[in-house]
Amino acid sequence: MFAVVETGGKQYKVKEKDTIDVEKLEGDKGKKITFNKVLLVFDDKKAEIGTPYVKKARVEGEIVEQFKDKKIIVINFKNKVRWTGKKGHRQRLTRVKIKKITA
């Protein structure tokens, strides 16, 4: 059984016992998280597709850690003035372990 959930403006395909990295969610290590925005639930025999979300479907998980991703460098260049700007940032992420999928 797997599901497609939406969080942080992105969609993730998850199965039970998977670990995914999502945009930062509030909470400390060990806190339970419930994803209510489930777009698709696929069992071995049937698939439920939401319009846009599947009613009464939930994906439950637990926060494993809060961390920062590797640094991303952004470079801008203006041609005729020969100006170069360089910026970088590290995205804050949350690692979540999926515990249970209910449809």
C-alpha atoms as a PDB file:
ATOM      1  CA  MET A   1       0.000   0.000   0.000  1.00  0.00           C
ATOM      2  CA  PHE A   2       1.250   3.482  -0.832  1.00  0.00           C
ATOM      3  CA  ALA A   3      -0.122   7.011  -0.831  1.00  0.00           C
ATOM      4  CA  VAL A   4       0.660  10.404  -2.340  1.00  0.00           C
ATOM      5  CA  VAL A   5       0.567  13.264   0.173  1.00  0.00           C
ATOM      6  CA  GLU A   6       0.897  17.008  -0.254  1.00  0.00           C
ATOM      7  CA  THR A   7       2.898  19.105   2.198  1.00  0.00           C
ATOM      8  CA  GLY A   8       4.869  22.299   1.789  1.00  0.00           C
ATOM      9  CA  GLY A   9       3.565  22.768  -1.763  1.00  0.00           C
ATOM     10  CA  LYS A  10       5.122  19.494  -2.919  1.00  0.00           C
ATOM     11  CA  GLN A  11       3.846  15.952  -3.402  1.00  0.00           C
ATOM     12  CA  TYR A  12       5.504  12.856  -1.962  1.00  0.00           C
ATOM     13  CA  LYS A  13       4.888   9.170  -2.672  1.00  0.00           C
ATOM     14  CA  VAL A  14       5.096   7.332   0.656  1.00  0.00           C
ATOM     15  CA  LYS A  15       4.844   3.774   1.970  1.00  0.00           C
ATOM     16  CA  GLU A  16       4.780   2.559   5.541  1.00  0.00           C
ATOM     17  CA  LYS A  17       8.228   2.585   7.201  1.00  0.00           C
ATOM     18  CA  ASP A  18       9.548   5.110   4.630  1.00  0.00           C
ATOM     19  CA  THR A  19      11.597   8.120   5.703  1.00  0.00           C
ATOM     20  CA  ILE A  20      11.068  11.362   3.767  1.00  0.00           C
ATOM     21  CA  ASP A  21      12.559  14.858   3.960  1.00  0.00           C
ATOM     22  CA  VAL A  22       9.894  17.588   3.745  1.00  0.00           C
ATOM     23  CA  GLU A  23       9.880  21.367   4.172  1.00  0.00           C
ATOM     24  CA  LYS A  24      10.157  22.401   7.812  1.00  0.00           C
ATOM     25  CA  LEU A  25       7.249  21.333  10.019  1.00  0.00           C
ATOM     26  CA  GLU A  26       6.750  22.654  13.542  1.00  0.00           C
ATOM     27  CA  GLY A  27       7.543  20.190  16.305  1.00  0.00           C
ATOM     28  CA  ASP A  28      10.359  18.471  18.116  1.00  0.00           C
ATOM     29  CA  LYS A  29      11.899  15.040  17.690  1.00  0.00           C
ATOM     30  CA  GLY A  30       9.382  12.282  18.448  1.00  0.00           C
ATOM     31  CA  LYS A  31       6.257  14.380  17.803  1.00  0.00           C
ATOM     32  CA  LYS A  32       3.435  12.666  15.905  1.00  0.00           C
ATOM     33  CA  ILE A  33       2.418  14.252  12.572  1.00  0.00           C
ATOM     34  CA  THR A  34      -0.759  13.631  10.567  1.00  0.00           C
ATOM     35  CA  PHE A  35      -0.972  14.443   6.857  1.00  0.00           C
ATOM     36  CA  ASN A  36      -4.620  15.074   5.911  1.00  0.00           C
ATOM     37  CA  LYS A  37      -3.966  16.191   2.326  1.00  0.00           C
ATOM     38  CA  VAL A  38      -3.842  12.740   0.723  1.00  0.00           C
ATOM     39  CA  LEU A  39      -4.163  12.830  -3.068  1.00  0.00           C
ATOM     40  CA  LEU A  40      -4.052   9.090  -3.804  1.00  0.00           C
ATOM     41  CA  VAL A  41      -4.245   5.840  -1.852  1.00  0.00           C
ATOM     42  CA  PHE A  42      -3.291   2.658  -3.697  1.00  0.00           C
ATOM     43  CA  ASP A  43      -3.988  -0.723  -2.143  1.00  0.00           C
ATOM     44  CA  ASP A  44      -3.083  -3.989  -3.866  1.00  0.00           C
ATOM     45  CA  LYS A  45      -6.650  -4.350  -5.151  1.00  0.00           C
ATOM     46  CA  LYS A  46      -7.985  -0.809  -5.579  1.00  0.00           C
ATOM     47  CA  ALA A  47      -6.936   2.791  -5.993  1.00  0.00           C
ATOM     48  CA  GLU A  48      -8.719   5.776  -4.473  1.00  0.00           C
ATOM     49  CA  ILE A  49      -8.088   9.053  -6.273  1.00  0.00           C
ATOM     50  CA  GLY A  50      -9.126  12.271  -4.584  1.00  0.00           C
ATOM     51  CA  THR A  51     -10.852  15.279  -6.097  1.00  0.00           C
ATOM     52  CA  PRO A  52      -8.544  16.951  -4.960  1.00  0.00           C
ATOM     53  CA  TYR A  53      -8.129  14.985  -1.692  1.00  0.00           C
ATOM     54  CA  VAL A  54      -9.290  11.537  -0.598  1.00  0.00           C
ATOM     55  CA  LYS A  55     -11.902  11.893   2.145  1.00  0.00           C
ATOM     56  CA  LYS A  56     -11.121  10.189   5.476  1.00  0.00           C
ATOM     57  CA  ALA A  57      -7.609   9.235   4.331  1.00  0.00           C
ATOM     58  CA  ARG A  58      -4.697  10.003   6.620  1.00  0.00           C
ATOM     59  CA  VAL A  59      -0.997   9.339   6.738  1.00  0.00           C
ATOM     60  CA  GLU A  60       0.547   9.276  10.200  1.00  0.00           C
ATOM     61  CA  GLY A  61       4.223   9.808  10.862  1.00  0.00           C
ATOM     62  CA  GLU A  62       6.771  10.794  13.458  1.00  0.00           C
ATOM     63  CA  ILE A  63       9.446  13.497  13.337  1.00  0.00           C
ATOM     64  CA  VAL A  64      12.913  11.952  13.325  1.00  0.00           C
ATOM     65  CA  GLU A  65      14.965  15.178  13.165  1.00  0.00           C
ATOM     66  CA  GLN A  66      15.046  18.841  12.156  1.00  0.00           C
ATOM     67  CA  PHE A  67      18.045  19.801  10.004  1.00  0.00           C
ATOM     68  CA  LYS A  68      19.403  22.090   7.288  1.00  0.00           C
ATOM     69  CA  ASP A  69      20.001  20.891   3.738  1.00  0.00           C
ATOM     70  CA  LYS A  70      23.248  21.492   1.859  1.00  0.00           C
ATOM     71  CA  LYS A  71      23.971  25.051   0.732  1.00  0.00           C
ATOM     72  CA  ILE A  72      22.442  26.261  -2.543  1.00  0.00           C
ATOM     73  CA  ILE A  73      24.325  29.000  -4.417  1.00  0.00           C
ATOM     74  CA  VAL A  74      22.435  31.494  -6.621  1.00  0.00           C
ATOM     75  CA  ILE A  75      24.400  33.728  -9.021  1.00  0.00           C
ATOM     76  CA  ASN A  76      22.958  36.719 -10.885  1.00  0.00           C
ATOM     77  CA  PHE A  77      24.709  38.488 -13.751  1.00  0.00           C
ATOM     78  CA  LYS A  78      23.792  41.710 -15.552  1.00  0.00           C
ATOM     79  CA  ASN A  79      25.361  41.727 -18.990  1.00  0.00           C
ATOM     80  CA  LYS A  80      26.140  45.322 -19.970  1.00  0.00           C
ATOM     81  CA  VAL A  81      27.135  46.550 -16.525  1.00  0.00           C
ATOM     82  CA  ARG A  82      29.143  43.444 -15.697  1.00  0.00           C
ATOM     83  CA  TRP A  83      27.556  43.160 -12.275  1.00  0.00           C
ATOM     84  CA  THR A  84      27.668  39.828 -10.511  1.00  0.00           C
ATOM     85  CA  GLY A  85      25.715  38.999  -7.372  1.00  0.00           C
ATOM     86  CA  LYS A  86      26.162  35.842  -5.384  1.00  0.00           C
ATOM     87  CA  LYS A  87      23.809  34.621  -2.672  1.00  0.00           C
ATOM     88  CA  GLY A  88      23.294  31.332  -0.918  1.00  0.00           C
ATOM     89  CA  HIS A  89      21.022  29.733   1.620  1.00  0.00           C
ATOM     90  CA  ARG A  90      20.401  26.449   3.421  1.00  0.00           C
ATOM     91  CA  GLN A  91      16.829  25.169   3.363  1.00  0.00           C
ATOM     92  CA  ARG A  92      15.400  23.964   6.684  1.00  0.00           C
ATOM     93  CA  LEU A  93      13.980  20.448   6.422  1.00  0.00           C
ATOM     94  CA  THR A  94      12.230  17.906   8.610  1.00  0.00           C
ATOM     95  CA  ARG A  95      12.874  14.174   8.374  1.00  0.00           C
ATOM     96  CA  VAL A  96       9.639  12.203   8.921  1.00  0.00           C
ATOM     97  CA  LYS A  97       9.221   8.440   9.336  1.00  0.00           C
ATOM     98  CA  ILE A  98       5.872   7.195   8.021  1.00  0.00           C
ATOM     99  CA  LYS A  99       4.104   4.959  10.552  1.00  0.00           C
ATOM    100  CA  LYS A 100       0.625   4.223   9.193  1.00  0.00           C
ATOM    101  CA  ILE A 101      -1.573   4.839   6.113  1.00  0.00           C
ATOM    102  CA  THR A 102      -5.340   4.718   6.599  1.00  0.00           C
ATOM    103  CA  ALA A 103      -7.913   5.057   3.845  1.00  0.00           C
END
